[in-house]
Amino acid sequence: MRWVAGFALVAASYVAFAGQATTPNTSPTAPESGAQAPMTKDQAKELFRSVDEILSFASSDTKLPIEHTVKRKLISRDEVNQYLREKFEEDEGAKRMERSEIVLKKFGLLDRDFHLRPFLLSLLTEQIAGFYDNKTKTVNLLDWIKPDEQKPVLAHELTHALQDQKVGLTKWSSISLNGPSHNVQEDNRHLQVDEADTARGAVAEGQAMAVFVDYTLRPTGRTLADAPELAGKLKDQVTDTSGSPVMARAPLLLQQSLLFPYSDGLSFEQAILVKTGKEAAFAGVLANPPSSSFEIMHPAAYMAHAPVPVVHLPDIHPLLDAEYTPYDIGVMGELDVRILIELFGGREMADALSPAWNGGMYYAAQRKSAVTPAEKESTASLGLIYYSRWKNRDSARSFMHTYAAQIPRKYSNVVERTKDEADEKEQVFSTSEGDVLISLSGTGVFIAEGFDLALARKLRNTVVSVQAEGPVKQAGVERQEPALSMARVLASFGAVNAGALQRYTSRGSR
């Protein structure tokens, strides 16, 4: 889903290991400015000297060559906060997220009274460590954190510098299309590439996390590749939000989508490392990146070149364009479904049901009658279509009932209109924002919210009629052929104490 990439890219662009920054045999750095004096000139020289040494380690660890030295700059906390706010204003990912905010609320993934922009700014400025800036090709070092505490962060950030030298991260990271689509060809092009940014972000962060782990484990002589038993435990540690008070109170959608590149990206990278070695895991994946969250969550499918489920959208514009303006379109991938089901039905149900996902897409249109800013910012202005495919009928039916049970939570004045339901495969509701149709068709579930029932059925019939029950399609992301948001575990190796990996990282500005 494009907004998952947006959350991750905005946070990853600016937050470098936010949270309690600790290193071996140290206590957490105080989070507020003034709690620790700026480093001395000698400390700054030591930190600057370490950049080349750590860059060499990262190059050796990844087999990515050093094309040139990396510029380095020492900055203050105030300079960092100013930088974050300015870049947030400019960032295309941030703008894309803000546009998607009412779609998220329409889905029920965010509460209606949640304000995304101020929350993200709070998260971005909560606590900062170092970051690499793609645009200036500079690693930014912080003058209030001791050199020994920044060196593991540097291992992560300098991996991004090597990736940037190899593929050019700014262009490589941005594949998904911005803005609404206006015809069926544009619709399906959006769907083909929609999750590419999510997948590539997970690759970039997973690789950098792998180098971070290897650098931290250096005293033990072990690496991520030769300690496969670490995979699940590391993932649990990466997703621990206790070091970030703002993240800890974030909505589930933000928590999981922001942490996905680090937790699932690390698991993906470890699987590739163990199976195919360093050159394939780093340069090979950068050259032929996955196209979906499905591949990140199932690295064996990526390595086997298994087809990625992609749902096709027929031409629905003749049914909508007289009264609606195209607003947003995107894939509902396995990651999105996992978040949605966990929010609606709990973790146990999400774990059981999301692996049965077999493709999904959404389409949002805004009423032309919504003309004032307040009307345009209201979820009532949107009509939403969501079609999902499942690997079997039982899973499809379970998802249908899970989603339907949340309609009273999402809307007021909800009444189920059983007399209007054609059969047991339909559920029809009246709500404060218009009709809702939830319909089961084979292994597919069609949902329309905000369209009147007659139009919703026309849309369903059009969408369902073009979905084949045969083999799924491969996501159409251009690939360079030849072939097509832990510490305790590391502490057991004597390398780092609790809290050291409860941080978020940066890929710099775009």
Protein backbone atom coordinates (compact mmCIF):
# COMPACT_ATOMS: atom_id res chain seq x y z
CA MET A 1 0.00 0.00 0.00
CA ARG A 2 1.37 3.38 -0.97
CA TRP A 3 0.63 4.99 2.41
CA VAL A 4 2.64 2.32 4.25
CA ALA A 5 5.64 3.29 2.15
CA GLY A 6 4.81 6.94 2.81
CA PHE A 7 4.86 6.53 6.59
CA ALA A 8 8.07 4.53 6.45
CA LEU A 9 9.82 6.85 4.00
CA VAL A 10 8.96 10.01 5.89
CA ALA A 11 10.14 8.62 9.20
CA ALA A 12 13.13 6.87 7.64
CA SER A 13 14.07 10.06 5.84
CA TYR A 14 14.65 11.90 9.05
CA VAL A 15 14.69 9.76 12.17
CA ALA A 16 17.95 8.00 12.78
CA PHE A 17 17.73 5.53 15.60
CA ALA A 18 15.27 7.61 17.62
CA GLY A 19 14.67 6.28 21.08
CA GLN A 20 17.03 5.60 23.94
CA ALA A 21 20.47 5.55 22.35
CA THR A 22 22.72 3.23 24.29
CA THR A 23 25.86 1.29 23.58
CA PRO A 24 27.80 -1.38 25.44
CA ASN A 25 28.43 -0.53 29.08
CA THR A 26 26.65 2.84 28.92
CA SER A 27 23.38 4.13 30.22
CA PRO A 28 20.76 5.67 27.93
CA THR A 29 21.53 9.11 26.61
CA ALA A 30 19.26 11.75 28.12
CA PRO A 31 16.60 12.64 25.55
CA GLU A 32 16.30 16.35 26.01
CA SER A 33 18.67 19.07 24.87
CA GLY A 34 20.87 20.40 27.63
CA ALA A 35 20.99 17.03 29.39
CA GLN A 36 24.40 16.26 27.90
CA ALA A 37 27.12 18.74 26.98
CA PRO A 38 28.30 19.00 23.36
CA MET A 39 31.27 16.80 22.56
CA THR A 40 34.77 18.20 22.79
CA LYS A 41 36.97 18.99 19.79
CA ASP A 42 39.00 15.85 20.42
CA GLN A 43 35.82 13.75 20.53
CA ALA A 44 34.65 15.34 17.29
CA LYS A 45 37.97 14.51 15.62
CA GLU A 46 37.71 10.92 16.84
CA LEU A 47 34.19 10.61 15.46
CA PHE A 48 35.18 12.11 12.11
CA ARG A 49 38.14 9.70 11.86
CA SER A 50 35.89 6.73 12.60
CA VAL A 51 33.73 7.40 9.52
CA ASP A 52 36.33 5.98 7.13
CA GLU A 53 37.03 2.98 9.35
CA ILE A 54 33.34 2.12 9.71
CA LEU A 55 32.70 2.73 6.00
CA SER A 56 35.45 0.19 5.30
CA PHE A 57 33.80 -2.28 7.68
CA ALA A 58 30.40 -1.79 6.01
CA SER A 59 31.94 -2.30 2.58
CA SER A 60 33.65 -5.50 3.69
CA ASP A 61 30.47 -6.73 5.37
CA THR A 62 28.24 -6.07 2.35
CA LYS A 63 30.72 -6.51 -0.53
CA LEU A 64 29.45 -3.14 -1.80
CA PRO A 65 32.45 -1.16 -3.10
CA ILE A 66 33.47 2.26 -1.84
CA GLU A 67 33.26 4.52 -4.87
CA HIS A 68 34.33 7.63 -2.96
CA THR A 69 34.68 8.93 0.58
CA VAL A 70 31.57 10.14 2.41
CA LYS A 71 31.27 13.75 3.50
CA ARG A 72 30.63 14.24 7.20
CA LYS A 73 29.14 17.09 9.22
CA LEU A 74 28.65 17.74 12.92
CA ILE A 75 25.29 19.31 13.76
CA SER A 76 23.43 20.43 16.87
CA ARG A 77 20.04 19.29 18.14
CA ASP A 78 18.46 22.59 17.11
CA GLU A 79 19.88 22.22 13.60
CA VAL A 80 18.48 18.71 13.38
CA ASN A 81 15.00 19.76 14.47
CA GLN A 82 15.00 22.66 12.01
CA TYR A 83 16.15 20.32 9.25
CA LEU A 84 13.41 17.84 10.04
CA ARG A 85 10.67 20.44 9.93
CA GLU A 86 11.90 21.99 6.68
CA LYS A 87 12.24 18.63 4.96
CA PHE A 88 8.84 17.54 6.21
CA GLU A 89 7.36 20.57 4.47
CA GLU A 90 9.10 19.66 1.19
CA ASP A 91 8.82 15.89 1.22
CA GLU A 92 6.62 14.29 -1.44
CA GLY A 93 6.02 11.29 0.80
CA ALA A 94 4.62 13.58 3.50
CA LYS A 95 2.33 15.28 1.01
CA ARG A 96 1.15 11.92 -0.28
CA MET A 97 0.41 10.75 3.25
CA GLU A 98 -1.60 13.84 4.10
CA ARG A 99 -3.74 13.28 1.02
CA SER A 100 -4.30 9.66 2.03
CA GLU A 101 -5.31 10.55 5.58
CA ILE A 102 -9.06 10.57 4.95
CA VAL A 103 -8.79 7.26 3.05
CA LEU A 104 -7.15 5.73 6.12
CA LYS A 105 -9.94 7.08 8.27
CA LYS A 106 -12.56 5.76 5.85
CA PHE A 107 -11.03 2.30 6.19
CA GLY A 108 -11.04 2.64 9.98
CA LEU A 109 -7.25 2.40 10.16
CA LEU A 110 -7.12 5.82 11.84
CA ASP A 111 -9.70 7.33 14.16
CA ARG A 112 -11.72 10.18 12.71
CA ASP A 113 -10.31 12.65 15.26
CA PHE A 114 -6.67 11.62 14.78
CA HIS A 115 -4.40 14.33 13.33
CA LEU A 116 -1.60 12.74 11.34
CA ARG A 117 0.65 15.73 10.65
CA PRO A 118 1.29 16.94 14.23
CA PHE A 119 1.71 13.38 15.41
CA LEU A 120 4.39 12.65 12.82
CA LEU A 121 6.21 15.86 13.63
CA SER A 122 6.20 14.84 17.31
CA LEU A 123 7.63 11.46 16.36
CA LEU A 124 10.29 12.93 14.09
CA THR A 125 11.55 15.33 16.76
CA GLU A 126 11.19 12.99 19.76
CA GLN A 127 14.79 11.80 19.78
CA ILE A 128 17.42 11.83 17.05
CA ALA A 129 20.76 10.16 16.41
CA GLY A 130 22.80 10.42 13.14
CA PHE A 131 21.56 10.24 9.55
CA TYR A 132 22.81 10.02 5.98
CA ASP A 133 21.44 12.60 3.52
CA ASN A 134 21.09 11.24 -0.02
CA LYS A 135 20.82 14.70 -1.52
CA THR A 136 24.04 16.15 -0.10
CA LYS A 137 25.84 12.77 0.15
CA THR A 138 26.68 13.63 3.74
CA VAL A 139 26.52 11.67 6.97
CA ASN A 140 25.31 13.99 9.72
CA LEU A 141 26.80 13.42 13.17
CA LEU A 142 25.32 14.77 16.38
CA ASP A 143 27.34 16.99 18.65
CA TRP A 144 25.54 15.95 21.85
CA ILE A 145 26.04 12.16 21.65
CA LYS A 146 29.38 10.59 22.56
CA PRO A 147 31.40 9.05 19.70
CA ASP A 148 31.20 5.49 21.03
CA GLU A 149 27.40 5.77 21.10
CA GLN A 150 27.25 6.99 17.51
CA LYS A 151 29.56 4.41 15.95
CA PRO A 152 26.96 1.60 15.69
CA VAL A 153 24.58 4.16 14.18
CA LEU A 154 27.29 5.04 11.68
CA ALA A 155 27.51 1.37 10.61
CA HIS A 156 23.84 1.58 9.69
CA GLU A 157 23.95 4.99 8.04
CA LEU A 158 27.13 4.32 6.08
CA THR A 159 25.49 1.24 4.63
CA HIS A 160 22.98 3.66 3.13
CA ALA A 161 25.90 5.65 1.74
CA LEU A 162 27.24 2.50 0.02
CA GLN A 163 23.77 1.68 -1.32
CA ASP A 164 23.53 5.23 -2.61
CA GLN A 165 26.87 4.93 -4.38
CA LYS A 166 25.77 1.61 -5.90
CA VAL A 167 22.25 2.42 -7.15
CA GLY A 168 21.43 6.06 -6.36
CA LEU A 169 18.94 5.74 -3.50
CA THR A 170 16.82 8.78 -4.33
CA LYS A 171 15.74 7.42 -7.72
CA TRP A 172 15.93 3.74 -6.74
CA SER A 173 13.65 4.22 -3.73
CA SER A 174 10.85 6.02 -5.57
CA ILE A 175 8.97 3.80 -8.03
CA SER A 176 5.32 4.21 -7.05
CA LEU A 177 3.26 6.79 -8.95
CA ASN A 178 2.05 9.95 -7.22
CA GLY A 179 -1.37 11.53 -7.59
CA PRO A 180 -4.71 10.05 -8.63
CA SER A 181 -5.22 8.14 -11.88
CA HIS A 182 -7.81 9.23 -14.43
CA ASN A 183 -8.35 6.25 -16.70
CA VAL A 184 -8.20 2.46 -16.57
CA GLN A 185 -4.66 2.32 -17.97
CA GLU A 186 -3.37 4.64 -15.25
CA ASP A 187 -5.37 2.73 -12.63
CA ASN A 188 -3.65 -0.55 -13.40
CA ARG A 189 -0.22 0.99 -13.75
CA HIS A 190 -0.65 2.33 -10.21
CA LEU A 191 -1.61 -1.13 -8.98
CA GLN A 192 1.36 -2.78 -10.67
CA VAL A 193 3.94 -0.62 -8.91
CA ASP A 194 2.10 0.51 -5.78
CA GLU A 195 4.03 -1.55 -3.21
CA ALA A 196 7.44 -1.16 -4.83
CA ASP A 197 8.50 1.68 -2.52
CA THR A 198 7.46 -0.34 0.55
CA ALA A 199 9.52 -3.33 -0.59
CA ARG A 200 12.56 -1.28 -1.54
CA GLY A 201 12.46 0.60 1.73
CA ALA A 202 12.51 -2.72 3.57
CA VAL A 203 15.51 -3.85 1.50
CA ALA A 204 17.47 -0.66 2.24
CA GLU A 205 16.71 -0.73 5.96
CA GLY A 206 17.07 -4.50 6.28
CA GLN A 207 20.55 -4.37 4.77
CA ALA A 208 21.56 -1.48 7.03
CA MET A 209 20.19 -3.29 10.09
CA ALA A 210 22.19 -6.39 9.12
CA VAL A 211 25.40 -4.34 9.06
CA PHE A 212 24.44 -2.69 12.36
CA VAL A 213 24.07 -6.15 13.93
CA ASP A 214 27.36 -7.40 12.47
CA TYR A 215 29.21 -4.30 13.66
CA THR A 216 27.75 -4.68 17.16
CA LEU A 217 28.63 -8.39 17.23
CA ARG A 218 32.25 -7.83 16.17
CA PRO A 219 33.69 -8.59 19.62
CA THR A 220 32.08 -12.04 19.53
CA GLY A 221 33.36 -13.02 16.09
CA ARG A 222 29.81 -13.82 14.98
CA THR A 223 27.56 -12.34 12.29
CA LEU A 224 23.90 -12.33 11.38
CA ALA A 225 24.57 -14.88 8.63
CA ASP A 226 26.04 -17.53 10.94
CA ALA A 227 23.50 -17.03 13.74
CA PRO A 228 20.17 -17.95 12.08
CA GLU A 229 18.62 -18.63 15.48
CA LEU A 230 18.61 -14.87 16.07
CA ALA A 231 16.03 -14.08 13.39
CA GLY A 232 12.79 -14.24 15.35
CA LYS A 233 14.27 -12.79 18.53
CA LEU A 234 15.84 -9.87 16.68
CA LYS A 235 12.52 -9.10 15.03
CA ASP A 236 10.83 -8.99 18.43
CA GLN A 237 13.45 -6.55 19.71
CA VAL A 238 13.21 -4.27 16.67
CA THR A 239 9.44 -3.95 17.15
CA ASP A 240 9.76 -3.06 20.85
CA THR A 241 8.48 0.52 21.15
CA SER A 242 9.40 1.00 24.82
CA GLY A 243 12.29 3.31 23.91
CA SER A 244 9.98 5.72 22.10
CA PRO A 245 7.04 7.16 24.09
CA VAL A 246 5.49 8.73 20.99
CA MET A 247 5.74 5.50 18.99
CA ALA A 248 4.34 3.52 21.92
CA ARG A 249 1.08 5.48 21.77
CA ALA A 250 0.88 5.54 17.95
CA PRO A 251 -2.07 3.90 16.18
CA LEU A 252 -1.40 0.30 15.16
CA LEU A 253 -1.17 1.29 11.49
CA LEU A 254 1.67 3.72 12.16
CA GLN A 255 3.52 1.41 14.53
CA GLN A 256 3.54 -1.54 12.16
CA SER A 257 4.12 0.35 8.93
CA LEU A 258 6.95 2.43 10.42
CA LEU A 259 8.66 -0.61 11.93
CA PHE A 260 8.09 -2.91 8.94
CA PRO A 261 11.24 -1.88 7.01
CA TYR A 262 13.42 -2.63 10.03
CA SER A 263 11.80 -5.74 11.48
CA ASP A 264 10.63 -7.57 8.36
CA GLY A 265 13.43 -6.05 6.30
CA LEU A 266 15.99 -7.53 8.70
CA SER A 267 14.31 -10.95 8.59
CA PHE A 268 14.24 -10.79 4.78
CA GLU A 269 17.91 -9.89 4.61
CA GLN A 270 18.94 -12.61 7.02
CA ALA A 271 17.06 -15.22 4.99
CA ILE A 272 18.84 -14.15 1.80
CA LEU A 273 22.21 -14.06 3.56
CA VAL A 274 21.86 -17.56 4.97
CA LYS A 275 20.59 -19.03 1.72
CA THR A 276 22.63 -17.28 -0.96
CA GLY A 277 25.50 -15.32 0.61
CA LYS A 278 26.57 -11.68 0.82
CA GLU A 279 26.85 -10.73 -2.85
CA ALA A 280 23.32 -11.93 -3.60
CA ALA A 281 21.93 -10.47 -0.36
CA PHE A 282 23.31 -6.97 -0.94
CA ALA A 283 24.30 -6.11 -4.54
CA GLY A 284 22.00 -8.82 -5.93
CA VAL A 285 18.89 -7.60 -4.11
CA LEU A 286 19.66 -3.97 -4.94
CA ALA A 287 19.88 -4.93 -8.62
CA ASN A 288 16.71 -7.04 -8.54
CA PRO A 289 14.60 -5.74 -5.64
CA PRO A 290 11.31 -7.30 -4.52
CA SER A 291 8.14 -5.55 -5.64
CA SER A 292 5.78 -6.18 -2.73
CA SER A 293 5.40 -6.61 1.01
CA PHE A 294 4.45 -10.22 0.19
CA GLU A 295 8.01 -10.93 -0.97
CA ILE A 296 9.54 -9.18 2.05
CA MET A 297 7.36 -11.24 4.38
CA HIS A 298 8.09 -14.42 2.40
CA PRO A 299 11.73 -14.29 1.27
CA ALA A 300 11.51 -17.86 -0.02
CA ALA A 301 8.89 -16.66 -2.52
CA TYR A 302 11.23 -13.88 -3.64
CA MET A 303 14.14 -16.30 -4.09
CA ALA A 304 11.90 -18.71 -6.01
CA HIS A 305 10.59 -15.87 -8.26
CA ALA A 306 7.06 -16.81 -7.23
CA PRO A 307 4.35 -14.66 -8.83
CA VAL A 308 3.06 -11.78 -6.71
CA PRO A 309 -0.74 -11.57 -6.56
CA VAL A 310 -2.00 -8.48 -8.40
CA VAL A 311 -5.71 -7.70 -8.78
CA HIS A 312 -6.82 -6.13 -12.05
CA LEU A 313 -9.22 -3.16 -12.03
CA PRO A 314 -11.65 -2.87 -14.95
CA ASP A 315 -12.80 0.47 -16.32
CA ILE A 316 -15.11 1.81 -13.63
CA HIS A 317 -14.82 5.44 -14.72
CA PRO A 318 -18.03 5.43 -16.80
CA LEU A 319 -19.92 4.49 -13.63
CA LEU A 320 -18.29 7.14 -11.44
CA ASP A 321 -16.94 10.11 -13.33
CA ALA A 322 -20.21 12.03 -13.67
CA GLU A 323 -20.53 12.48 -9.88
CA TYR A 324 -17.08 11.63 -8.54
CA THR A 325 -13.46 12.72 -9.00
CA PRO A 326 -10.69 10.08 -8.77
CA TYR A 327 -8.97 10.49 -5.41
CA ASP A 328 -6.70 7.54 -4.59
CA ILE A 329 -5.92 4.01 -5.72
CA GLY A 330 -3.59 1.37 -4.40
CA VAL A 331 -2.75 -2.19 -3.51
CA MET A 332 -3.95 -3.74 -0.26
CA GLY A 333 -1.01 -6.08 0.27
CA GLU A 334 -0.42 -8.78 2.81
CA LEU A 335 1.15 -6.28 5.20
CA ASP A 336 -1.91 -4.03 4.96
CA VAL A 337 -4.27 -6.94 5.51
CA ARG A 338 -2.28 -8.07 8.53
CA ILE A 339 -2.63 -4.61 10.08
CA LEU A 340 -6.31 -4.34 9.17
CA ILE A 341 -7.22 -7.75 10.59
CA GLU A 342 -5.22 -7.21 13.77
CA LEU A 343 -6.98 -3.89 14.33
CA PHE A 344 -10.42 -5.37 13.62
CA GLY A 345 -10.04 -8.87 15.04
CA GLY A 346 -6.88 -9.12 17.14
CA ARG A 347 -3.36 -10.47 16.73
CA GLU A 348 -4.33 -14.14 16.78
CA MET A 349 -6.80 -13.71 13.95
CA ALA A 350 -4.32 -11.63 11.95
CA ASP A 351 -1.65 -14.32 12.28
CA ALA A 352 -4.09 -17.01 11.19
CA LEU A 353 -5.87 -15.20 8.36
CA SER A 354 -3.36 -12.88 6.69
CA PRO A 355 -1.24 -15.71 5.17
CA ALA A 356 -4.37 -16.66 3.17
CA TRP A 357 -4.32 -13.25 1.42
CA ASN A 358 -4.10 -13.63 -2.35
CA GLY A 359 -4.27 -10.08 -3.67
CA GLY A 360 -6.22 -6.91 -3.08
CA MET A 361 -6.81 -3.33 -4.22
CA TYR A 362 -8.77 -0.23 -3.21
CA TYR A 363 -10.13 2.74 -5.13
CA ALA A 364 -11.36 5.99 -3.58
CA ALA A 365 -13.38 8.68 -5.35
CA GLN A 366 -14.50 12.03 -3.99
CA ARG A 367 -17.94 13.52 -4.56
CA LYS A 368 -17.89 16.54 -6.86
CA SER A 369 -20.50 18.07 -4.56
CA ALA A 370 -17.79 18.38 -1.86
CA VAL A 371 -16.46 21.86 -2.57
CA THR A 372 -15.43 23.49 0.72
CA PRO A 373 -12.18 22.52 2.48
CA ALA A 374 -14.17 21.06 5.38
CA GLU A 375 -16.28 18.95 3.02
CA LYS A 376 -13.21 17.71 1.15
CA GLU A 377 -11.46 16.74 4.38
CA SER A 378 -14.44 14.71 5.59
CA THR A 379 -14.64 10.94 5.10
CA ALA A 380 -18.27 11.50 4.10
CA SER A 381 -17.02 12.97 0.82
CA LEU A 382 -15.43 9.67 -0.22
CA GLY A 383 -16.79 6.59 -1.88
CA LEU A 384 -14.49 3.60 -1.27
CA ILE A 385 -14.13 0.29 -3.10
CA TYR A 386 -12.05 -2.52 -1.63
CA TYR A 387 -11.69 -5.90 -3.37
CA SER A 388 -9.63 -8.69 -1.79
CA ARG A 389 -8.74 -12.17 -3.00
CA TRP A 390 -8.13 -15.16 -0.72
CA LYS A 391 -6.57 -18.58 -1.13
CA ASN A 392 -9.78 -20.36 -0.13
CA ARG A 393 -13.48 -19.65 0.42
CA ASP A 394 -13.36 -20.13 4.19
CA SER A 395 -10.71 -17.43 4.56
CA ALA A 396 -12.69 -15.11 2.32
CA ARG A 397 -15.81 -15.64 4.39
CA SER A 398 -13.89 -15.11 7.65
CA PHE A 399 -12.51 -11.83 6.36
CA MET A 400 -15.96 -10.74 5.21
CA HIS A 401 -17.43 -11.28 8.68
CA THR A 402 -14.45 -9.66 10.42
CA TYR A 403 -14.76 -6.55 8.27
CA ALA A 404 -18.56 -6.37 8.57
CA ALA A 405 -18.37 -6.52 12.36
CA GLN A 406 -16.47 -3.22 12.33
CA ILE A 407 -19.05 -1.18 10.41
CA PRO A 408 -20.77 0.01 13.62
CA ARG A 409 -17.39 1.12 14.97
CA LYS A 410 -16.60 3.12 11.83
CA TYR A 411 -19.95 4.85 11.36
CA SER A 412 -22.91 6.11 13.37
CA ASN A 413 -26.60 5.38 12.70
CA VAL A 414 -25.77 1.91 11.38
CA VAL A 415 -28.68 -0.31 10.40
CA GLU A 416 -28.32 -3.66 8.63
CA ARG A 417 -30.91 -3.84 5.83
CA THR A 418 -31.50 -7.57 5.68
CA LYS A 419 -34.47 -7.13 3.34
CA ASP A 420 -32.15 -5.59 0.74
CA GLU A 421 -29.63 -8.43 0.92
CA ALA A 422 -29.93 -10.65 -2.15
CA ASP A 423 -28.67 -13.79 -0.37
CA GLU A 424 -26.40 -14.95 2.45
CA LYS A 425 -23.39 -13.74 0.50
CA GLU A 426 -24.39 -10.10 0.88
CA GLN A 427 -24.52 -7.71 3.79
CA VAL A 428 -26.08 -4.27 3.31
CA PHE A 429 -25.95 -1.40 5.80
CA SER A 430 -27.26 2.13 6.04
CA THR A 431 -24.77 4.44 7.78
CA SER A 432 -24.19 8.10 8.53
CA GLU A 433 -22.04 8.26 5.39
CA GLY A 434 -24.25 6.32 2.99
CA ASP A 435 -24.76 2.70 2.03
CA VAL A 436 -22.25 -0.08 2.66
CA LEU A 437 -22.24 -3.29 0.60
CA ILE A 438 -20.11 -6.28 1.61
CA SER A 439 -20.32 -9.17 -0.81
CA LEU A 440 -18.72 -12.62 -1.10
CA SER A 441 -17.95 -13.93 -4.60
CA GLY A 442 -16.07 -17.22 -4.63
CA THR A 443 -12.70 -16.50 -2.99
CA GLY A 444 -13.15 -12.73 -3.33
CA VAL A 445 -14.68 -10.15 -1.00
CA PHE A 446 -16.01 -6.92 -2.50
CA ILE A 447 -16.70 -3.92 -0.25
CA ALA A 448 -18.24 -0.59 -1.27
CA GLU A 449 -18.68 2.22 1.25
CA GLY A 450 -20.42 5.51 0.57
CA PHE A 451 -21.97 4.60 -2.78
CA ASP A 452 -25.71 4.02 -3.04
CA LEU A 453 -26.63 0.34 -3.19
CA ALA A 454 -27.54 0.25 -6.87
CA LEU A 455 -24.23 1.82 -7.90
CA ALA A 456 -22.31 -0.37 -5.44
CA ARG A 457 -23.75 -3.52 -7.07
CA LYS A 458 -22.84 -2.25 -10.55
CA LEU A 459 -19.31 -1.62 -9.35
CA ARG A 460 -19.14 -5.07 -7.76
CA ASN A 461 -20.36 -6.82 -10.88
CA THR A 462 -17.85 -4.94 -13.01
CA VAL A 463 -14.90 -5.62 -10.70
CA VAL A 464 -15.71 -9.26 -9.99
CA SER A 465 -16.35 -10.12 -13.64
CA VAL A 466 -12.72 -9.52 -14.68
CA GLN A 467 -11.06 -11.46 -11.86
CA ALA A 468 -9.70 -14.79 -13.06
CA GLU A 469 -9.74 -17.75 -10.72
CA GLY A 470 -6.54 -19.09 -12.32
CA PRO A 471 -2.87 -18.28 -11.61
CA VAL A 472 -2.16 -14.86 -10.18
CA LYS A 473 -0.20 -12.26 -12.07
CA GLN A 474 3.29 -10.98 -11.34
CA ALA A 475 3.57 -7.39 -10.18
CA GLY A 476 4.83 -5.35 -13.11
CA VAL A 477 7.77 -3.52 -11.59
CA GLU A 478 10.69 -2.88 -13.91
CA ARG A 479 13.55 -5.13 -12.88
CA GLN A 480 17.13 -5.12 -14.05
CA GLU A 481 17.21 -8.57 -15.64
CA PRO A 482 19.38 -11.01 -16.36
CA ALA A 483 16.63 -13.06 -14.75
CA LEU A 484 13.94 -10.76 -13.92
CA SER A 485 9.94 0.48 12.73
CA MET A 486 16.99 -7.54 19.75
CA ALA A 487 19.21 -5.89 22.19
CA ARG A 488 18.70 -8.58 24.82
CA VAL A 489 19.61 -11.26 22.33
CA LEU A 490 22.79 -9.46 21.34
CA ALA A 491 23.52 -8.94 25.01
CA SER A 492 23.73 -12.73 25.32
CA PHE A 493 26.75 -12.53 23.02
CA GLY A 494 28.29 -9.88 25.26
CA ALA A 495 28.00 -7.13 22.67
CA VAL A 496 25.31 -4.67 23.70
CA ASN A 497 22.92 -3.92 26.52
CA ALA A 498 19.14 -3.57 26.46
CA GLY A 499 17.76 -0.65 24.48
CA ALA A 500 20.55 -0.29 21.94
CA LEU A 501 18.48 -1.36 18.98
CA GLN A 502 15.24 0.38 19.93
CA ARG A 503 15.84 3.14 17.38
CA TYR A 504 14.76 4.19 13.93
CA THR A 505 16.99 5.07 11.02
CA SER A 506 17.51 7.40 8.11
CA ARG A 507 17.97 7.20 4.40
CA GLY A 508 18.25 10.95 4.09
CA SER A 509 16.27 13.51 2.13
CA ARG A 510 14.69 12.88 -1.22
